[in-house]
PDB file of N, CA and C in Angstrom:
ATOM      1  N   MET A   1     -67.716 -78.959  26.784  1.00  0.00           N
ATOM      2  CA  MET A   1     -67.842 -80.773  26.934  1.00  0.00           C
ATOM      3  C   MET A   1     -66.498 -80.936  25.961  1.00  0.00           C
ATOM      4  N   MET A   2     -65.708 -80.006  25.056  1.00  0.00           N
ATOM      5  CA  MET A   2     -65.009 -80.703  23.882  1.00  0.00           C
ATOM      6  C   MET A   2     -64.014 -79.776  24.523  1.00  0.00           C
ATOM      7  N   ASP A   3     -63.525 -79.222  25.853  1.00  0.00           N
ATOM      8  CA  ASP A   3     -62.428 -78.994  26.376  1.00  0.00           C
ATOM      9  C   ASP A   3     -61.544 -80.110  26.229  1.00  0.00           C
ATOM     10  N   TYR A   4     -59.930 -80.210  26.221  1.00  0.00           N
ATOM     11  CA  TYR A   4     -59.217 -80.747  26.786  1.00  0.00           C
ATOM     12  C   TYR A   4     -58.150 -80.353  27.357  1.00  0.00           C
ATOM     13  N   PRO A   5     -57.445 -80.779  28.369  1.00  0.00           N
ATOM     14  CA  PRO A   5     -58.064 -81.914  29.026  1.00  0.00           C
ATOM     15  C   PRO A   5     -59.056 -81.402  29.358  1.00  0.00           C
ATOM     16  N   PRO A   6     -60.263 -82.665  29.900  1.00  0.00           N
ATOM     17  CA  PRO A   6     -61.260 -82.365  29.922  1.00  0.00           C
ATOM     18  C   PRO A   6     -61.840 -81.645  31.207  1.00  0.00           C
ATOM     19  N   ARG A   7     -62.756 -80.494  31.661  1.00  0.00           N
ATOM     20  CA  ARG A   7     -63.278 -79.862  32.974  1.00  0.00           C
ATOM     21  C   ARG A   7     -63.842 -81.185  33.746  1.00  0.00           C
ATOM     22  N   HIS A   8     -63.953 -81.039  35.216  1.00  0.00           N
ATOM     23  CA  HIS A   8     -64.392 -82.147  35.723  1.00  0.00           C
ATOM     24  C   HIS A   8     -65.281 -81.637  36.363  1.00  0.00           C
ATOM     25  N   ASN A   9     -65.918 -80.519  36.517  1.00  0.00           N
ATOM     26  CA  ASN A   9     -66.970 -79.284  37.198  1.00  0.00           C
ATOM     27  C   ASN A   9     -67.988 -79.764  36.483  1.00  0.00           C
ATOM     28  N   ALA A  10     -69.172 -79.007  36.864  1.00  0.00           N
ATOM     29  CA  ALA A  10     -70.063 -79.317  36.080  1.00  0.00           C
ATOM     30  C   ALA A  10     -70.678 -79.290  35.002  1.00  0.00           C
ATOM     31  N   ASN A  11     -69.520 -78.618  34.218  1.00  0.00           N
ATOM     32  CA  ASN A  11     -69.689 -78.007  32.560  1.00  0.00           C
ATOM     33  C   ASN A  11     -69.370 -79.549  32.134  1.00  0.00           C
ATOM     34  N   GLY A  12     -68.323 -80.245  32.809  1.00  0.00           N
ATOM     35  CA  GLY A  12     -67.597 -81.557  31.921  1.00  0.00           C
ATOM     36  C   GLY A  12     -68.719 -82.588  31.713  1.00  0.00           C
ATOM     37  N   HIS A  13     -67.974 -83.169  31.556  1.00  0.00           N
ATOM     38  CA  HIS A  13     -68.360 -84.646  31.700  1.00  0.00           C
ATOM     39  C   HIS A  13     -68.029 -86.043  32.547  1.00  0.00           C
ATOM     40  N   THR A  14     -67.373 -85.694  33.426  1.00  0.00           N
ATOM     41  CA  THR A  14     -66.481 -86.776  34.020  1.00  0.00           C
ATOM     42  C   THR A  14     -67.443 -87.520  34.988  1.00  0.00           C
ATOM     43  N   TRP A  15     -68.667 -86.746  35.313  1.00  0.00           N
ATOM     44  CA  TRP A  15     -69.861 -87.091  36.047  1.00  0.00           C
ATOM     45  C   TRP A  15     -70.518 -88.138  35.283  1.00  0.00           C
ATOM     46  N   HIS A  16     -70.232 -88.056  34.276  1.00  0.00           N
ATOM     47  CA  HIS A  16     -70.922 -89.580  33.379  1.00  0.00           C
ATOM     48  C   HIS A  16     -70.207 -90.792  33.067  1.00  0.00           C
ATOM     49  N   HIS A  17     -69.407 -90.821  34.388  1.00  0.00           N
ATOM     50  CA  HIS A  17     -68.093 -91.953  34.051  1.00  0.00           C
ATOM     51  C   HIS A  17     -68.220 -92.553  35.470  1.00  0.00           C
ATOM     52  N   PRO A  18     -68.276 -93.905  35.736  1.00  0.00           N
ATOM     53  CA  PRO A  18     -68.774 -94.472  37.284  1.00  0.00           C
ATOM     54  C   PRO A  18     -66.974 -94.222  37.869  1.00  0.00           C
ATOM     55  N   ASP A  19     -67.422 -94.305  39.338  1.00  0.00           N
ATOM     56  CA  ASP A  19     -66.100 -94.384  39.921  1.00  0.00           C
ATOM     57  C   ASP A  19     -64.948 -95.062  39.902  1.00  0.00           C
ATOM     58  N   CYS A  20     -65.659 -96.693  39.623  1.00  0.00           N
ATOM     59  CA  CYS A  20     -64.426 -97.634  38.875  1.00  0.00           C
ATOM     60  C   CYS A  20     -63.497 -97.136  38.004  1.00  0.00           C
ATOM     61  N   GLU A  21     -64.387 -96.505  37.049  1.00  0.00           N
ATOM     62  CA  GLU A  21     -63.416 -95.732  35.503  1.00  0.00           C
ATOM     63  C   GLU A  21     -62.549 -94.825  35.747  1.00  0.00           C
ATOM     64  N   LEU A  22     -63.233 -93.943  36.610  1.00  0.00           N
ATOM     65  CA  LEU A  22     -62.540 -92.613  36.943  1.00  0.00           C
ATOM     66  C   LEU A  22     -61.230 -93.348  38.106  1.00  0.00           C
ATOM     67  N   THR A  23     -61.443 -94.231  38.534  1.00  0.00           N
ATOM     68  CA  THR A  23     -60.601 -94.674  39.538  1.00  0.00           C
ATOM     69  C   THR A  23     -59.266 -95.252  38.781  1.00  0.00           C
ATOM     70  N   TYR A  24     -59.959 -96.695  37.428  1.00  0.00           N
ATOM     71  CA  TYR A  24     -58.980 -96.464  36.559  1.00  0.00           C
ATOM     72  C   TYR A  24     -58.190 -95.496  35.982  1.00  0.00           C
ATOM     73  N   ILE A  25     -58.557 -95.049  35.691  1.00  0.00           N
ATOM     74  CA  ILE A  25     -57.533 -93.465  34.949  1.00  0.00           C
ATOM     75  C   ILE A  25     -56.561 -93.070  35.947  1.00  0.00           C
ATOM     76  N   ILE A  26     -56.752 -92.785  37.093  1.00  0.00           N
ATOM     77  CA  ILE A  26     -55.868 -92.522  37.893  1.00  0.00           C
ATOM     78  C   ILE A  26     -55.079 -93.441  38.233  1.00  0.00           C
ATOM     79  N   LEU A  27     -55.359 -94.572  38.303  1.00  0.00           N
ATOM     80  CA  LEU A  27     -54.521 -95.395  38.638  1.00  0.00           C
ATOM     81  C   LEU A  27     -53.327 -95.483  37.291  1.00  0.00           C
ATOM     82  N   TYR A  28     -53.725 -95.706  35.980  1.00  0.00           N
ATOM     83  CA  TYR A  28     -52.901 -96.029  35.071  1.00  0.00           C
ATOM     84  C   TYR A  28     -53.096 -94.890  33.993  1.00  0.00           C
ATOM     85  N   GLY A  29     -53.376 -93.843  34.035  1.00  0.00           N
ATOM     86  CA  GLY A  29     -53.366 -92.531  33.437  1.00  0.00           C
ATOM     87  C   GLY A  29     -54.349 -92.853  31.841  1.00  0.00           C
ATOM     88  N   SER A  30     -54.203 -92.462  31.007  1.00  0.00           N
ATOM     89  CA  SER A  30     -54.761 -92.546  29.585  1.00  0.00           C
ATOM     90  C   SER A  30     -54.547 -94.109  28.895  1.00  0.00           C
ATOM     91  N   ASN A  31     -55.634 -94.442  28.843  1.00  0.00           N
ATOM     92  CA  ASN A  31     -56.338 -95.555  27.978  1.00  0.00           C
ATOM     93  C   ASN A  31     -56.958 -95.184  26.956  1.00  0.00           C
ATOM     94  N   GLU A  32     -57.471 -96.283  26.054  1.00  0.00           N
ATOM     95  CA  GLU A  32     -57.974 -96.680  24.790  1.00  0.00           C
ATOM     96  C   GLU A  32     -59.002 -95.300  24.455  1.00  0.00           C
ATOM     97  N   MET A  33     -59.944 -95.084  25.513  1.00  0.00           N
ATOM     98  CA  MET A  33     -60.774 -94.101  25.391  1.00  0.00           C
ATOM     99  C   MET A  33     -60.548 -92.441  25.369  1.00  0.00           C
ATOM    100  N   THR A  34     -59.103 -92.199  26.478  1.00  0.00           N
ATOM    101  CA  THR A  34     -58.827 -91.215  26.008  1.00  0.00           C
ATOM    102  C   THR A  34     -57.897 -90.604  25.283  1.00  0.00           C
ATOM    103  N   GLU A  35     -57.393 -92.143  24.852  1.00  0.00           N
ATOM    104  CA  GLU A  35     -56.838 -91.778  23.069  1.00  0.00           C
ATOM    105  C   GLU A  35     -57.713 -91.404  22.312  1.00  0.00           C
ATOM    106  N   MET A  36     -58.942 -92.368  22.182  1.00  0.00           N
ATOM    107  CA  MET A  36     -59.882 -91.942  21.305  1.00  0.00           C
ATOM    108  C   MET A  36     -60.238 -90.482  20.944  1.00  0.00           C
ATOM    109  N   MET A  37     -60.623 -89.807  22.225  1.00  0.00           N
ATOM    110  CA  MET A  37     -60.960 -88.978  22.368  1.00  0.00           C
ATOM    111  C   MET A  37     -60.392 -87.727  22.294  1.00  0.00           C
ATOM    112  N   ARG A  38     -58.832 -87.894  22.391  1.00  0.00           N
ATOM    113  CA  ARG A  38     -57.700 -87.096  21.844  1.00  0.00           C
ATOM    114  C   ARG A  38     -57.851 -87.282  20.201  1.00  0.00           C
ATOM    115  N   GLN A  39     -57.793 -88.183  19.870  1.00  0.00           N
ATOM    116  CA  GLN A  39     -58.141 -88.179  18.161  1.00  0.00           C
ATOM    117  C   GLN A  39     -59.367 -87.349  17.721  1.00  0.00           C
ATOM    118  N   MET A  40     -60.278 -87.691  18.060  1.00  0.00           N
ATOM    119  CA  MET A  40     -61.654 -87.098  17.705  1.00  0.00           C
ATOM    120  C   MET A  40     -61.953 -85.913  18.010  1.00  0.00           C
ATOM    121  N   MET A  41     -61.165 -85.009  18.708  1.00  0.00           N
ATOM    122  CA  MET A  41     -61.076 -83.254  19.291  1.00  0.00           C
ATOM    123  C   MET A  41     -59.964 -83.356  18.593  1.00  0.00           C
ATOM    124  N   ASN A  42     -59.381 -83.747  17.688  1.00  0.00           N
ATOM    125  CA  ASN A  42     -57.494 -83.422  17.432  1.00  0.00           C
ATOM    126  C   ASN A  42     -57.093 -83.022  18.038  1.00  0.00           C
ATOM    127  N   VAL A  43     -56.874 -83.213  19.395  1.00  0.00           N
ATOM    128  CA  VAL A  43     -55.873 -82.349  20.241  1.00  0.00           C
ATOM    129  C   VAL A  43     -54.211 -82.762  19.596  1.00  0.00           C
ATOM    130  N   PRO A  44     -53.751 -81.543  19.674  1.00  0.00           N
ATOM    131  CA  PRO A  44     -51.933 -81.701  19.300  1.00  0.00           C
ATOM    132  C   PRO A  44     -51.637 -82.856  19.852  1.00  0.00           C
ATOM    133  N   THR A  45     -50.701 -83.712  19.602  1.00  0.00           N
ATOM    134  CA  THR A  45     -49.428 -84.594  19.842  1.00  0.00           C
ATOM    135  C   THR A  45     -48.629 -84.180  21.004  1.00  0.00           C
ATOM    136  N   THR A  46     -48.519 -83.257  21.277  1.00  0.00           N
ATOM    137  CA  THR A  46     -47.797 -82.385  22.068  1.00  0.00           C
ATOM    138  C   THR A  46     -48.717 -82.284  23.297  1.00  0.00           C
ATOM    139  N   THR A  47     -49.932 -82.405  23.465  1.00  0.00           N
ATOM    140  CA  THR A  47     -50.677 -81.891  24.829  1.00  0.00           C
ATOM    141  C   THR A  47     -50.348 -83.712  25.257  1.00  0.00           C
ATOM    142  N   PRO A  48     -49.935 -82.979  26.676  1.00  0.00           N
ATOM    143  CA  PRO A  48     -49.715 -84.224  27.711  1.00  0.00           C
ATOM    144  C   PRO A  48     -50.373 -84.615  28.093  1.00  0.00           C
ATOM    145  N   ARG A  49     -50.543 -86.182  28.015  1.00  0.00           N
ATOM    146  CA  ARG A  49     -51.278 -87.407  28.897  1.00  0.00           C
ATOM    147  C   ARG A  49     -51.438 -87.276  30.234  1.00  0.00           C
ATOM    148  N   MET A  50     -52.323 -88.202  30.735  1.00  0.00           N
ATOM    149  CA  MET A  50     -53.155 -88.472  31.838  1.00  0.00           C
ATOM    150  C   MET A  50     -51.559 -89.266  32.307  1.00  0.00           C
ATOM    151  N   PRO A  51     -50.969 -89.011  33.814  1.00  0.00           N
ATOM    152  CA  PRO A  51     -49.894 -90.206  33.920  1.00  0.00           C
ATOM    153  C   PRO A  51     -50.622 -90.845  35.073  1.00  0.00           C
ATOM    154  N   ALA A  52     -50.242 -91.915  34.691  1.00  0.00           N
ATOM    155  CA  ALA A  52     -50.609 -93.271  36.146  1.00  0.00           C
ATOM    156  C   ALA A  52     -50.018 -92.722  37.098  1.00  0.00           C
ATOM    157  N   TRP A  53     -50.980 -92.619  38.445  1.00  0.00           N
ATOM    158  CA  TRP A  53     -50.576 -92.423  39.937  1.00  0.00           C
ATOM    159  C   TRP A  53     -50.277 -93.445  40.763  1.00  0.00           C
ATOM    160  N   ARG A  54     -50.601 -94.696  40.344  1.00  0.00           N
ATOM    161  CA  ARG A  54     -50.564 -96.235  41.111  1.00  0.00           C
ATOM    162  C   ARG A  54     -49.352 -96.101  41.609  1.00  0.00           C
ATOM    163  N   ALA A  55     -48.577 -95.995  42.121  1.00  0.00           N
ATOM    164  CA  ALA A  55     -47.288 -96.276  42.638  1.00  0.00           C
ATOM    165  C   ALA A  55     -47.491 -94.561  43.328  1.00  0.00           C
ATOM    166  N   LYS A  56     -47.974 -93.948  43.335  1.00  0.00           N
ATOM    167  CA  LYS A  56     -47.890 -92.099  44.480  1.00  0.00           C
ATOM    168  C   LYS A  56     -48.910 -92.463  44.899  1.00  0.00           C
ATOM    169  N   LEU A  57     -50.621 -92.675  44.749  1.00  0.00           N
ATOM    170  CA  LEU A  57     -51.117 -92.589  45.444  1.00  0.00           C
ATOM    171  C   LEU A  57     -52.024 -93.824  46.190  1.00  0.00           C
ATOM    172  N   SER A  58     -52.630 -93.514  47.237  1.00  0.00           N
ATOM    173  CA  SER A  58     -53.119 -94.494  47.936  1.00  0.00           C
ATOM    174  C   SER A  58     -54.300 -94.293  47.290  1.00  0.00           C
ATOM    175  N   SER A  59     -55.472 -95.783  48.099  1.00  0.00           N
ATOM    176  CA  SER A  59     -56.695 -95.895  47.655  1.00  0.00           C
ATOM    177  C   SER A  59     -57.634 -95.069  47.953  1.00  0.00           C
ATOM    178  N   GLU A  60     -57.233 -94.870  49.540  1.00  0.00           N
ATOM    179  CA  GLU A  60     -57.877 -93.415  50.160  1.00  0.00           C
ATOM    180  C   GLU A  60     -57.484 -92.120  50.012  1.00  0.00           C
ATOM    181  N   GLU A  61     -56.469 -91.836  49.461  1.00  0.00           N
ATOM    182  CA  GLU A  61     -55.814 -90.568  48.533  1.00  0.00           C
ATOM    183  C   GLU A  61     -57.125 -90.764  47.265  1.00  0.00           C
ATOM    184  N   ILE A  62     -57.159 -91.874  46.485  1.00  0.00           N
ATOM    185  CA  ILE A  62     -57.940 -91.602  44.990  1.00  0.00           C
ATOM    186  C   ILE A  62     -59.128 -91.066  45.385  1.00  0.00           C
ATOM    187  N   SER A  63     -59.595 -91.769  46.392  1.00  0.00           N
ATOM    188  CA  SER A  63     -61.443 -91.889  46.748  1.00  0.00           C
ATOM    189  C   SER A  63     -61.979 -90.022  47.450  1.00  0.00           C
ATOM    190  N   GLU A  64     -60.512 -89.513  48.111  1.00  0.00           N
ATOM    191  CA  GLU A  64     -60.271 -88.188  48.353  1.00  0.00           C
ATOM    192  C   GLU A  64     -60.460 -87.349  47.229  1.00  0.00           C
ATOM    193  N   ILE A  65     -60.104 -87.558  46.115  1.00  0.00           N
ATOM    194  CA  ILE A  65     -59.707 -86.987  45.249  1.00  0.00           C
ATOM    195  C   ILE A  65     -61.096 -86.865  44.131  1.00  0.00           C
ATOM    196  N   LEU A  66     -61.717 -88.013  44.227  1.00  0.00           N
ATOM    197  CA  LEU A  66     -62.805 -88.398  43.768  1.00  0.00           C
ATOM    198  C   LEU A  66     -63.545 -87.519  44.417  1.00  0.00           C
ATOM    199  N   ALA A  67     -63.815 -87.157  45.666  1.00  0.00           N
ATOM    200  CA  ALA A  67     -64.947 -86.542  46.348  1.00  0.00           C
ATOM    201  C   ALA A  67     -64.757 -85.111  46.306  1.00  0.00           C
ATOM    202  N   PHE A  68     -63.361 -84.469  46.257  1.00  0.00           N
ATOM    203  CA  PHE A  68     -63.357 -83.284  45.801  1.00  0.00           C
ATOM    204  C   PHE A  68     -63.872 -82.662  44.909  1.00  0.00           C
ATOM    205  N   ILE A  69     -63.807 -83.685  43.527  1.00  0.00           N
ATOM    206  CA  ILE A  69     -64.320 -83.252  42.053  1.00  0.00           C
ATOM    207  C   ILE A  69     -65.539 -83.231  41.901  1.00  0.00           C
ATOM    208  N   LYS A  70     -66.290 -84.163  43.073  1.00  0.00           N
ATOM    209  CA  LYS A  70     -67.516 -84.744  42.916  1.00  0.00           C
ATOM    210  C   LYS A  70     -68.341 -83.207  43.620  1.00  0.00           C
ATOM    211  N   THR A  71     -67.831 -82.862  44.631  1.00  0.00           N
ATOM    212  CA  THR A  71     -68.213 -81.362  45.146  1.00  0.00           C
ATOM    213  C   THR A  71     -68.370 -80.485  43.935  1.00  0.00           C
ATOM    214  N   MET A  72     -67.886 -80.283  42.752  1.00  0.00           N
ATOM    215  CA  MET A  72     -68.108 -79.463  41.903  1.00  0.00           C
ATOM    216  C   MET A  72     -69.682 -79.801  40.398  1.00  0.00           C
ATOM    217  N   TRP A  73     -70.173 -80.916  41.353  1.00  0.00           N
ATOM    218  CA  TRP A  73     -71.161 -81.367  40.458  1.00  0.00           C
ATOM    219  C   TRP A  73     -72.587 -80.085  41.141  1.00  0.00           C
ATOM    220  N   THR A  74     -73.740 -80.334  39.727  1.00  0.00           N
ATOM    221  CA  THR A  74     -74.688 -80.745  40.655  1.00  0.00           C
ATOM    222  C   THR A  74     -75.372 -81.459  41.533  1.00  0.00           C
ATOM    223  N   PRO A  75     -76.311 -81.469  42.083  1.00  0.00           N
ATOM    224  CA  PRO A  75     -77.017 -82.329  43.628  1.00  0.00           C
ATOM    225  C   PRO A  75     -77.551 -83.360  42.113  1.00  0.00           C
ATOM    226  N   GLU A  76     -78.078 -83.025  40.654  1.00  0.00           N
ATOM    227  CA  GLU A  76     -78.668 -83.923  39.875  1.00  0.00           C
ATOM    228  C   GLU A  76     -77.486 -85.133  39.362  1.00  0.00           C
ATOM    229  N   GLN A  77     -76.528 -84.184  39.166  1.00  0.00           N
ATOM    230  CA  GLN A  77     -74.960 -85.074  38.091  1.00  0.00           C
ATOM    231  C   GLN A  77     -74.457 -86.156  39.432  1.00  0.00           C
ATOM    232  N   GLN A  78     -74.617 -85.460  40.593  1.00  0.00           N
ATOM    233  CA  GLN A  78     -74.040 -86.315  41.600  1.00  0.00           C
ATOM    234  C   GLN A  78     -75.157 -87.491  41.890  1.00  0.00           C
ATOM    235  N   ARG A  79     -76.029 -87.206  42.307  1.00  0.00           N
ATOM    236  CA  ARG A  79     -77.501 -88.550  41.955  1.00  0.00           C
ATOM    237  C   ARG A  79     -77.161 -89.270  40.653  1.00  0.00           C
ATOM    238  N   ALA A  80     -77.113 -88.873  39.516  1.00  0.00           N
ATOM    239  CA  ALA A  80     -76.777 -89.941  38.598  1.00  0.00           C
ATOM    240  C   ALA A  80     -75.847 -90.447  38.156  1.00  0.00           C
ATOM    241  N   GLN A  81     -74.557 -90.346  38.459  1.00  0.00           N
ATOM    242  CA  GLN A  81     -73.219 -90.695  38.363  1.00  0.00           C
ATOM    243  C   GLN A  81     -73.549 -91.679  39.730  1.00  0.00           C
ATOM    244  N   THR A  82     -73.800 -91.291  41.239  1.00  0.00           N
ATOM    245  CA  THR A  82     -73.946 -92.375  42.096  1.00  0.00           C
ATOM    246  C   THR A  82     -74.679 -94.242  41.807  1.00  0.00           C
ATOM    247  N   GLN A  83     -75.560 -93.487  40.780  1.00  0.00           N
ATOM    248  CA  GLN A  83     -76.760 -94.383  39.615  1.00  0.00           C
ATOM    249  C   GLN A  83     -75.674 -95.553  39.000  1.00  0.00           C
ATOM    250  N   ILE A  84     -74.901 -94.358  37.958  1.00  0.00           N
ATOM    251  CA  ILE A  84     -74.456 -94.878  37.037  1.00  0.00           C
ATOM    252  C   ILE A  84     -72.837 -96.517  37.648  1.00  0.00           C
ATOM    253  N   THR A  85     -72.292 -95.344  38.769  1.00  0.00           N
ATOM    254  CA  THR A  85     -71.334 -96.271  39.570  1.00  0.00           C
ATOM    255  C   THR A  85     -71.854 -97.552  40.223  1.00  0.00           C
ATOM    256  N   GLN A  86     -73.470 -97.541  40.916  1.00  0.00           N
ATOM    257  CA  GLN A  86     -73.742 -98.132  41.333  1.00  0.00           C
ATOM    258  C   GLN A  86     -74.048 -99.708  40.004  1.00  0.00           C
ATOM    259  N   GLN A  87     -74.786 -99.317  38.913  1.00  0.00           N
ATOM    260  CA  GLN A  87     -74.830-100.166  37.757  1.00  0.00           C
ATOM    261  C   GLN A  87     -73.667-101.008  37.089  1.00  0.00           C
ATOM    262  N   VAL A  88     -72.184-100.054  36.897  1.00  0.00           N
ATOM    263  CA  VAL A  88     -71.190-100.665  36.404  1.00  0.00           C
ATOM    264  C   VAL A  88     -70.051-101.381  37.546  1.00  0.00           C
ATOM    265  N   CYS A  89     -70.204-100.801  38.621  1.00  0.00           N
ATOM    266  CA  CYS A  89     -68.800-101.318  39.616  1.00  0.00           C
ATOM    267  C   CYS A  89     -68.914-102.178  40.561  1.00  0.00           C
TER     268      CYS A  89
END
């Protein structure tokens, strides 16, 4: 859970975030939340940041990336993340 960059599998915390937030991070890169996490975890300033992919990936490609990441989660995590997405997005 305290890995940086974060794991996207069942041992990570990506499944705690709704699709709209994950999509935003893919599109626009690191944001205030990721910067806050970097500071909290004392991540070296030389560690790369998530780049913005909005000019390089289509909506379909982003959906496919999220679908792939979700294959690494447990069924319970998938259900919980679906509920979070429905509530937030």
